[in-house]
Amino acid sequence: MPQHDFRSPRLFVDAALASGETVALDRNQSNYLGNVLRLAAGDTILAFNGRDGEWRAAIAGRKRPDSLTIADQTRPQDRLPDIAYVFAPLKHARLDYIVQKAVEMGASALRPVLTRFTQVSRVNSERMRANVIEAAEQCGILSLAEVAEPMPLDRYLSQRDAERLLVFCDETADAQDPLRALRSEPAGSHGIDILIGPEGGFEEEERANLLRQPRTLRLSLGPRILRADTAGVAALALVQAALGDWGGTGPAG
């Protein structure tokens, strides 16, 4: 695979990408390229759409950038490992943080769930999607994680694919070697759901319901209590190291 270009600016565009195509820029994209990055006609960037790989593109426009002319492909489209990050939403900046980190860690789907002790009753899904795009632009990621609408935890559990591995991170679980525990539960071809609860933890009835689910691994994240956003990063790192694509293979996409 071609090496990443970390020096050229990257821009997500919701348009088909192919050599010779012209892609119109919206006002926000034009402002970003022209006023924030100080780029002008003739400068080049990298463009991606989550479907057609990454392409080198030249900026066009007289007074301000108004379109891109697509040149050559720099990287083919890839696939993310089939890892869904399922989480109780957090407030404001901490929600932005965990969305960005989940994207950087390779999650293919973000699924907010509302639990008994969830502190947030409303979730700005458009803001989450904007954070997904921003993280992908900044970190050279080609595939965009799906953002689901929030739903109650019990409804999520009743609708999820029972053949997927559910990694249930629980601060009340006995501390053990988490990598060994994960490697004893191969993900197979049906994917993995990583569930992180709210700051107040799970209610006992919720915990009992989780433990009744098929293919559930109750996982300790060590001897210390972690904040929910920290726990999310730790759990994603453990799953990627044990069952994901950090070793070159991962659960099917």
C-alpha atoms as a PDB file:
ATOM      1  CA  MET A   1       0.000   0.000   0.000  1.00  0.00           C
ATOM      2  CA  PRO A   2       1.325   3.503  -0.778  1.00  0.00           C
ATOM      3  CA  GLN A   3       2.792   5.415   2.121  1.00  0.00           C
ATOM      4  CA  HIS A   4       0.621   8.030   3.815  1.00  0.00           C
ATOM      5  CA  ASP A   5       1.163  11.661   2.849  1.00  0.00           C
ATOM      6  CA  PHE A   6       1.058  13.453   6.202  1.00  0.00           C
ATOM      7  CA  ARG A   7       1.968  16.884   4.862  1.00  0.00           C
ATOM      8  CA  SER A   8      -0.837  17.572   2.383  1.00  0.00           C
ATOM      9  CA  PRO A   9      -4.180  18.832   3.729  1.00  0.00           C
ATOM     10  CA  ARG A  10      -7.027  16.326   3.462  1.00  0.00           C
ATOM     11  CA  LEU A  11     -10.665  17.087   2.725  1.00  0.00           C
ATOM     12  CA  PHE A  12     -13.753  14.893   2.857  1.00  0.00           C
ATOM     13  CA  VAL A  13     -16.074  15.435  -0.115  1.00  0.00           C
ATOM     14  CA  ASP A  14     -19.421  13.752  -0.616  1.00  0.00           C
ATOM     15  CA  ALA A  15     -18.965  13.170  -4.344  1.00  0.00           C
ATOM     16  CA  ALA A  16     -17.673  10.449  -6.650  1.00  0.00           C
ATOM     17  CA  LEU A  17     -13.911  10.589  -7.129  1.00  0.00           C
ATOM     18  CA  ALA A  18     -12.153   9.613 -10.362  1.00  0.00           C
ATOM     19  CA  SER A  19      -9.357  11.039 -12.467  1.00  0.00           C
ATOM     20  CA  GLY A  20     -10.473  14.124 -14.394  1.00  0.00           C
ATOM     21  CA  GLU A  21     -13.641  14.711 -12.348  1.00  0.00           C
ATOM     22  CA  THR A  22     -14.519  18.183 -11.070  1.00  0.00           C
ATOM     23  CA  VAL A  23     -15.954  18.431  -7.566  1.00  0.00           C
ATOM     24  CA  ALA A  24     -17.726  21.613  -6.471  1.00  0.00           C
ATOM     25  CA  LEU A  25     -16.895  22.945  -3.008  1.00  0.00           C
ATOM     26  CA  ASP A  26     -19.537  24.221  -0.612  1.00  0.00           C
ATOM     27  CA  ARG A  27     -19.122  27.489   1.289  1.00  0.00           C
ATOM     28  CA  ASN A  28     -17.625  25.895   4.399  1.00  0.00           C
ATOM     29  CA  GLN A  29     -15.090  23.905   2.381  1.00  0.00           C
ATOM     30  CA  SER A  30     -14.149  26.988   0.361  1.00  0.00           C
ATOM     31  CA  ASN A  31     -13.687  29.008   3.549  1.00  0.00           C
ATOM     32  CA  TYR A  32     -11.611  26.249   5.134  1.00  0.00           C
ATOM     33  CA  LEU A  33      -9.256  25.927   2.175  1.00  0.00           C
ATOM     34  CA  GLY A  34      -8.988  29.631   1.347  1.00  0.00           C
ATOM     35  CA  ASN A  35      -9.193  31.425   4.696  1.00  0.00           C
ATOM     36  CA  VAL A  36      -8.046  28.831   7.216  1.00  0.00           C
ATOM     37  CA  LEU A  37      -5.375  26.979   5.246  1.00  0.00           C
ATOM     38  CA  ARG A  38      -4.559  29.959   2.968  1.00  0.00           C
ATOM     39  CA  LEU A  39      -4.614  27.832  -0.170  1.00  0.00           C
ATOM     40  CA  ALA A  40      -5.403  29.134  -3.630  1.00  0.00           C
ATOM     41  CA  ALA A  41      -5.918  27.975  -7.207  1.00  0.00           C
ATOM     42  CA  GLY A  42      -3.217  25.542  -8.285  1.00  0.00           C
ATOM     43  CA  ASP A  43      -2.457  24.248  -4.796  1.00  0.00           C
ATOM     44  CA  THR A  44      -3.071  20.550  -4.222  1.00  0.00           C
ATOM     45  CA  ILE A  45      -4.779  18.640  -1.442  1.00  0.00           C
ATOM     46  CA  LEU A  46      -5.878  15.065  -0.797  1.00  0.00           C
ATOM     47  CA  ALA A  47      -9.591  14.297  -1.188  1.00  0.00           C
ATOM     48  CA  PHE A  48     -11.565  11.263  -0.010  1.00  0.00           C
ATOM     49  CA  ASN A  49     -15.236  10.290   0.218  1.00  0.00           C
ATOM     50  CA  GLY A  50     -15.205   7.064   2.252  1.00  0.00           C
ATOM     51  CA  ARG A  51     -15.872   4.975  -0.878  1.00  0.00           C
ATOM     52  CA  ASP A  52     -13.324   5.587  -3.640  1.00  0.00           C
ATOM     53  CA  GLY A  53     -10.021   5.821  -1.798  1.00  0.00           C
ATOM     54  CA  GLU A  54      -7.831   8.913  -1.557  1.00  0.00           C
ATOM     55  CA  TRP A  55      -7.043  11.190  -4.512  1.00  0.00           C
ATOM     56  CA  ARG A  56      -4.736  14.097  -5.209  1.00  0.00           C
ATOM     57  CA  ALA A  57      -6.740  17.106  -6.296  1.00  0.00           C
ATOM     58  CA  ALA A  58      -5.933  20.601  -7.540  1.00  0.00           C
ATOM     59  CA  ILE A  59      -7.829  23.620  -6.230  1.00  0.00           C
ATOM     60  CA  ALA A  60      -9.567  25.810  -8.834  1.00  0.00           C
ATOM     61  CA  GLY A  61     -11.274  29.201  -8.522  1.00  0.00           C
ATOM     62  CA  ARG A  62     -10.500  32.838  -9.189  1.00  0.00           C
ATOM     63  CA  LYS A  63     -11.255  34.850  -6.038  1.00  0.00           C
ATOM     64  CA  ARG A  64     -11.643  31.846  -3.735  1.00  0.00           C
ATOM     65  CA  PRO A  65     -11.452  28.052  -3.998  1.00  0.00           C
ATOM     66  CA  ASP A  66     -14.683  26.862  -5.591  1.00  0.00           C
ATOM     67  CA  SER A  67     -13.877  23.411  -6.979  1.00  0.00           C
ATOM     68  CA  LEU A  68     -11.384  20.561  -7.083  1.00  0.00           C
ATOM     69  CA  THR A  69      -9.981  18.870 -10.165  1.00  0.00           C
ATOM     70  CA  ILE A  70      -9.280  15.241  -9.320  1.00  0.00           C
ATOM     71  CA  ALA A  71      -5.899  13.975 -10.559  1.00  0.00           C
ATOM     72  CA  ASP A  72      -4.512  10.588  -9.460  1.00  0.00           C
ATOM     73  CA  GLN A  73      -5.343   8.108  -6.739  1.00  0.00           C
ATOM     74  CA  THR A  74      -2.861   8.033  -3.862  1.00  0.00           C
ATOM     75  CA  ARG A  75      -4.414   5.171  -1.860  1.00  0.00           C
ATOM     76  CA  PRO A  76      -7.126   2.598  -2.619  1.00  0.00           C
ATOM     77  CA  GLN A  77     -10.192   2.317  -0.414  1.00  0.00           C
ATOM     78  CA  ASP A  78      -9.764   0.180   2.695  1.00  0.00           C
ATOM     79  CA  ARG A  79     -12.175  -1.448   5.157  1.00  0.00           C
ATOM     80  CA  LEU A  80     -12.392  -0.853   8.860  1.00  0.00           C
ATOM     81  CA  PRO A  81     -12.575  -3.830  11.233  1.00  0.00           C
ATOM     82  CA  ASP A  82     -16.165  -4.616  12.205  1.00  0.00           C
ATOM     83  CA  ILE A  83     -15.925  -3.045  15.660  1.00  0.00           C
ATOM     84  CA  ALA A  84     -18.860  -1.032  16.974  1.00  0.00           C
ATOM     85  CA  TYR A  85     -18.271   1.373  19.845  1.00  0.00           C
ATOM     86  CA  VAL A  86     -21.458   1.342  21.949  1.00  0.00           C
ATOM     87  CA  PHE A  87     -21.496   3.949  24.694  1.00  0.00           C
ATOM     88  CA  ALA A  88     -23.560   6.017  27.088  1.00  0.00           C
ATOM     89  CA  PRO A  89     -23.257   9.598  25.782  1.00  0.00           C
ATOM     90  CA  LEU A  90     -21.171  12.123  27.685  1.00  0.00           C
ATOM     91  CA  LYS A  91     -21.458  15.882  27.933  1.00  0.00           C
ATOM     92  CA  HIS A  92     -20.142  18.372  25.378  1.00  0.00           C
ATOM     93  CA  ALA A  93     -16.352  18.303  24.937  1.00  0.00           C
ATOM     94  CA  ARG A  94     -15.972  14.814  26.411  1.00  0.00           C
ATOM     95  CA  LEU A  95     -18.417  13.438  23.836  1.00  0.00           C
ATOM     96  CA  ASP A  96     -16.440  15.174  21.072  1.00  0.00           C
ATOM     97  CA  TYR A  97     -13.268  13.638  22.484  1.00  0.00           C
ATOM     98  CA  ILE A  98     -14.513  10.053  22.617  1.00  0.00           C
ATOM     99  CA  VAL A  99     -16.009  10.233  19.120  1.00  0.00           C
ATOM    100  CA  GLN A 100     -12.704  11.474  17.733  1.00  0.00           C
ATOM    101  CA  LYS A 101     -10.695   8.839  19.617  1.00  0.00           C
ATOM    102  CA  ALA A 102     -13.011   6.006  18.585  1.00  0.00           C
ATOM    103  CA  VAL A 103     -12.510   7.015  14.944  1.00  0.00           C
ATOM    104  CA  GLU A 104      -8.741   7.188  15.387  1.00  0.00           C
ATOM    105  CA  MET A 105      -8.787   3.724  17.005  1.00  0.00           C
ATOM    106  CA  GLY A 106     -10.591   2.213  14.011  1.00  0.00           C
ATOM    107  CA  ALA A 107     -14.202   1.830  15.135  1.00  0.00           C
ATOM    108  CA  SER A 108     -16.531   1.292  12.172  1.00  0.00           C
ATOM    109  CA  ALA A 109     -19.718   2.327  13.985  1.00  0.00           C
ATOM    110  CA  LEU A 110     -20.653   4.622  16.870  1.00  0.00           C
ATOM    111  CA  ARG A 111     -23.844   3.659  18.701  1.00  0.00           C
ATOM    112  CA  PRO A 112     -25.023   5.832  21.619  1.00  0.00           C
ATOM    113  CA  VAL A 113     -27.242   4.030  24.135  1.00  0.00           C
ATOM    114  CA  LEU A 114     -29.252   5.546  26.967  1.00  0.00           C
ATOM    115  CA  THR A 115     -28.905   3.830  30.328  1.00  0.00           C
ATOM    116  CA  ARG A 116     -30.442   4.400  33.754  1.00  0.00           C
ATOM    117  CA  PHE A 117     -27.540   6.631  34.857  1.00  0.00           C
ATOM    118  CA  THR A 118     -26.757   8.313  31.521  1.00  0.00           C
ATOM    119  CA  GLN A 119     -26.205  12.009  32.232  1.00  0.00           C
ATOM    120  CA  VAL A 120     -27.197  13.226  28.760  1.00  0.00           C
ATOM    121  CA  SER A 121     -30.759  13.031  27.470  1.00  0.00           C
ATOM    122  CA  ARG A 122     -30.170  14.518  23.998  1.00  0.00           C
ATOM    123  CA  VAL A 123     -27.375  13.783  21.532  1.00  0.00           C
ATOM    124  CA  ASN A 124     -26.394  16.013  18.620  1.00  0.00           C
ATOM    125  CA  SER A 125     -25.889  13.387  15.910  1.00  0.00           C
ATOM    126  CA  GLU A 126     -24.821  15.964  13.316  1.00  0.00           C
ATOM    127  CA  ARG A 127     -22.069  17.171  15.630  1.00  0.00           C
ATOM    128  CA  MET A 128     -20.958  13.562  16.098  1.00  0.00           C
ATOM    129  CA  ARG A 129     -20.798  13.097  12.317  1.00  0.00           C
ATOM    130  CA  ALA A 130     -18.783  16.310  11.969  1.00  0.00           C
ATOM    131  CA  ASN A 131     -16.312  14.988  14.546  1.00  0.00           C
ATOM    132  CA  VAL A 132     -16.062  11.698  12.658  1.00  0.00           C
ATOM    133  CA  ILE A 133     -15.169  13.567   9.455  1.00  0.00           C
ATOM    134  CA  GLU A 134     -12.699  15.884  11.185  1.00  0.00           C
ATOM    135  CA  ALA A 135     -10.877  12.975  12.844  1.00  0.00           C
ATOM    136  CA  ALA A 136     -10.733  11.069   9.556  1.00  0.00           C
ATOM    137  CA  GLU A 137      -9.363  14.131   7.733  1.00  0.00           C
ATOM    138  CA  GLN A 138      -6.664  14.734  10.322  1.00  0.00           C
ATOM    139  CA  CYS A 139      -5.539  11.128  10.782  1.00  0.00           C
ATOM    140  CA  GLY A 140      -5.404   9.821   7.201  1.00  0.00           C
ATOM    141  CA  ILE A 141      -8.438   7.569   7.666  1.00  0.00           C
ATOM    142  CA  LEU A 142     -10.283   6.610   4.467  1.00  0.00           C
ATOM    143  CA  SER A 143     -13.466   4.961   5.786  1.00  0.00           C
ATOM    144  CA  LEU A 144     -16.019   6.897   7.818  1.00  0.00           C
ATOM    145  CA  ALA A 145     -17.541   5.355  10.923  1.00  0.00           C
ATOM    146  CA  GLU A 146     -21.326   5.056  10.870  1.00  0.00           C
ATOM    147  CA  VAL A 147     -23.124   7.229  13.430  1.00  0.00           C
ATOM    148  CA  ALA A 148     -26.342   5.705  14.782  1.00  0.00           C
ATOM    149  CA  GLU A 149     -29.172   7.542  16.472  1.00  0.00           C
ATOM    150  CA  PRO A 150     -29.376   7.089  20.264  1.00  0.00           C
ATOM    151  CA  MET A 151     -31.639   4.371  21.652  1.00  0.00           C
ATOM    152  CA  PRO A 152     -32.360   2.855  25.073  1.00  0.00           C
ATOM    153  CA  LEU A 153     -29.946   0.137  26.129  1.00  0.00           C
ATOM    154  CA  ASP A 154     -32.636  -2.538  26.400  1.00  0.00           C
ATOM    155  CA  ARG A 155     -33.851  -1.839  22.857  1.00  0.00           C
ATOM    156  CA  TYR A 156     -30.295  -1.985  21.540  1.00  0.00           C
ATOM    157  CA  LEU A 157     -29.737  -5.349  23.207  1.00  0.00           C
ATOM    158  CA  SER A 158     -32.990  -6.742  21.805  1.00  0.00           C
ATOM    159  CA  GLN A 159     -32.082  -5.691  18.252  1.00  0.00           C
ATOM    160  CA  ARG A 160     -28.356  -6.482  18.030  1.00  0.00           C
ATOM    161  CA  ASP A 161     -27.002  -9.506  16.175  1.00  0.00           C
ATOM    162  CA  ALA A 162     -26.646 -12.223  18.814  1.00  0.00           C
ATOM    163  CA  GLU A 163     -23.694 -13.761  16.946  1.00  0.00           C
ATOM    164  CA  ARG A 164     -21.535 -10.678  17.489  1.00  0.00           C
ATOM    165  CA  LEU A 165     -19.145 -10.709  20.439  1.00  0.00           C
ATOM    166  CA  LEU A 166     -20.326  -8.251  23.111  1.00  0.00           C
ATOM    167  CA  VAL A 167     -17.406  -6.928  25.170  1.00  0.00           C
ATOM    168  CA  PHE A 168     -19.065  -5.525  28.268  1.00  0.00           C
ATOM    169  CA  CYS A 169     -16.624  -3.371  30.257  1.00  0.00           C
ATOM    170  CA  ASP A 170     -17.638  -3.569  33.919  1.00  0.00           C
ATOM    171  CA  GLU A 171     -15.867  -1.894  36.831  1.00  0.00           C
ATOM    172  CA  THR A 172     -17.313  -4.525  39.197  1.00  0.00           C
ATOM    173  CA  ALA A 173     -15.727  -7.461  37.328  1.00  0.00           C
ATOM    174  CA  ASP A 174     -12.839  -9.278  38.960  1.00  0.00           C
ATOM    175  CA  ALA A 175      -9.528  -7.878  37.707  1.00  0.00           C
ATOM    176  CA  GLN A 176      -7.798 -10.266  35.330  1.00  0.00           C
ATOM    177  CA  ASP A 177      -5.540 -10.165  32.300  1.00  0.00           C
ATOM    178  CA  PRO A 178      -7.831  -8.478  29.742  1.00  0.00           C
ATOM    179  CA  LEU A 179      -5.760  -9.479  26.709  1.00  0.00           C
ATOM    180  CA  ARG A 180      -5.855 -13.141  27.739  1.00  0.00           C
ATOM    181  CA  ALA A 181      -9.601 -12.907  28.311  1.00  0.00           C
ATOM    182  CA  LEU A 182     -10.174 -11.377  24.876  1.00  0.00           C
ATOM    183  CA  ARG A 183      -7.969 -13.888  23.092  1.00  0.00           C
ATOM    184  CA  SER A 184      -9.975 -16.704  24.660  1.00  0.00           C
ATOM    185  CA  GLU A 185     -13.070 -15.342  22.875  1.00  0.00           C
ATOM    186  CA  PRO A 186     -12.247 -15.138  19.156  1.00  0.00           C
ATOM    187  CA  ALA A 187     -14.501 -12.709  17.332  1.00  0.00           C
ATOM    188  CA  GLY A 188     -15.071 -14.927  14.315  1.00  0.00           C
ATOM    189  CA  SER A 189     -16.681 -13.311  11.280  1.00  0.00           C
ATOM    190  CA  HIS A 190     -19.647 -11.594  12.957  1.00  0.00           C
ATOM    191  CA  GLY A 191     -17.893  -8.582  14.479  1.00  0.00           C
ATOM    192  CA  ILE A 192     -17.480  -7.067  17.928  1.00  0.00           C
ATOM    193  CA  ASP A 193     -19.506  -4.626  20.020  1.00  0.00           C
ATOM    194  CA  ILE A 194     -17.625  -2.771  22.772  1.00  0.00           C
ATOM    195  CA  LEU A 195     -19.996  -1.442  25.438  1.00  0.00           C
ATOM    196  CA  ILE A 196     -18.965   1.369  27.798  1.00  0.00           C
ATOM    197  CA  GLY A 197     -21.453   2.519  30.421  1.00  0.00           C
ATOM    198  CA  PRO A 198     -22.040   5.938  31.986  1.00  0.00           C
ATOM    199  CA  GLU A 199     -20.043   7.621  34.756  1.00  0.00           C
ATOM    200  CA  GLY A 200     -22.402   6.178  37.363  1.00  0.00           C
ATOM    201  CA  GLY A 201     -21.997   2.628  36.081  1.00  0.00           C
ATOM    202  CA  PHE A 202     -24.761   0.200  35.167  1.00  0.00           C
ATOM    203  CA  GLU A 203     -27.871  -0.397  37.234  1.00  0.00           C
ATOM    204  CA  GLU A 204     -28.058  -3.932  38.633  1.00  0.00           C
ATOM    205  CA  GLU A 205     -30.965  -4.874  36.378  1.00  0.00           C
ATOM    206  CA  GLU A 206     -29.023  -3.589  33.359  1.00  0.00           C
ATOM    207  CA  ARG A 207     -25.967  -5.581  34.410  1.00  0.00           C
ATOM    208  CA  ALA A 208     -28.066  -8.730  34.830  1.00  0.00           C
ATOM    209  CA  ASN A 209     -29.583  -8.219  31.373  1.00  0.00           C
ATOM    210  CA  LEU A 210     -26.131  -7.788  29.872  1.00  0.00           C
ATOM    211  CA  LEU A 211     -24.878 -10.984  31.472  1.00  0.00           C
ATOM    212  CA  ARG A 212     -27.817 -12.889  29.960  1.00  0.00           C
ATOM    213  CA  GLN A 213     -26.814 -11.895  26.435  1.00  0.00           C
ATOM    214  CA  PRO A 214     -25.239 -14.563  24.195  1.00  0.00           C
ATOM    215  CA  ARG A 215     -21.530 -14.264  23.429  1.00  0.00           C
ATOM    216  CA  THR A 216     -20.901 -11.749  26.205  1.00  0.00           C
ATOM    217  CA  LEU A 217     -17.446 -11.158  27.674  1.00  0.00           C
ATOM    218  CA  ARG A 218     -17.472  -9.226  30.946  1.00  0.00           C
ATOM    219  CA  LEU A 219     -14.157  -7.417  30.941  1.00  0.00           C
ATOM    220  CA  SER A 220     -12.196  -5.661  33.660  1.00  0.00           C
ATOM    221  CA  LEU A 221     -10.085  -2.668  32.630  1.00  0.00           C
ATOM    222  CA  GLY A 222      -7.723  -2.983  35.563  1.00  0.00           C
ATOM    223  CA  PRO A 223      -7.620  -2.238  39.283  1.00  0.00           C
ATOM    224  CA  ARG A 224      -8.490   1.482  38.995  1.00  0.00           C
ATOM    225  CA  ILE A 225     -11.817   3.105  38.157  1.00  0.00           C
ATOM    226  CA  LEU A 226     -11.556   4.879  34.800  1.00  0.00           C
ATOM    227  CA  ARG A 227     -13.627   7.766  33.541  1.00  0.00           C
ATOM    228  CA  ALA A 228     -15.949   6.740  30.735  1.00  0.00           C
ATOM    229  CA  ASP A 229     -13.937   8.472  27.993  1.00  0.00           C
ATOM    230  CA  THR A 230     -10.686   6.929  29.267  1.00  0.00           C
ATOM    231  CA  ALA A 231     -12.341   3.506  29.516  1.00  0.00           C
ATOM    232  CA  GLY A 232     -13.442   3.779  25.889  1.00  0.00           C
ATOM    233  CA  VAL A 233      -9.912   4.374  24.620  1.00  0.00           C
ATOM    234  CA  ALA A 234      -8.520   1.596  26.831  1.00  0.00           C
ATOM    235  CA  ALA A 235     -11.149  -0.913  25.694  1.00  0.00           C
ATOM    236  CA  LEU A 236     -10.694  -0.076  22.015  1.00  0.00           C
ATOM    237  CA  ALA A 237      -6.923  -0.477  22.341  1.00  0.00           C
ATOM    238  CA  LEU A 238      -7.285  -3.867  24.034  1.00  0.00           C
ATOM    239  CA  VAL A 239      -9.773  -5.191  21.471  1.00  0.00           C
ATOM    240  CA  GLN A 240      -7.714  -3.939  18.529  1.00  0.00           C
ATOM    241  CA  ALA A 241      -4.572  -5.531  19.978  1.00  0.00           C
ATOM    242  CA  ALA A 242      -6.229  -8.877  20.742  1.00  0.00           C
ATOM    243  CA  LEU A 243      -8.842  -9.288  18.009  1.00  0.00           C
ATOM    244  CA  GLY A 244      -8.680  -6.275  15.691  1.00  0.00           C
ATOM    245  CA  ASP A 245      -6.465  -5.162  12.829  1.00  0.00           C
ATOM    246  CA  TRP A 246      -3.396  -4.063  14.779  1.00  0.00           C
ATOM    247  CA  GLY A 247      -1.939  -7.467  14.025  1.00  0.00           C
ATOM    248  CA  GLY A 248      -2.822  -7.263  10.340  1.00  0.00           C
ATOM    249  CA  THR A 249      -6.186  -9.047  10.511  1.00  0.00           C
ATOM    250  CA  GLY A 250      -9.442  -8.244  12.201  1.00  0.00           C
ATOM    251  CA  PRO A 251     -13.121  -9.045  12.377  1.00  0.00           C
ATOM    252  CA  ALA A 252     -14.759  -8.991   8.969  1.00  0.00           C
ATOM    253  CA  GLY A 253     -16.116  -5.664   7.807  1.00  0.00           C
END
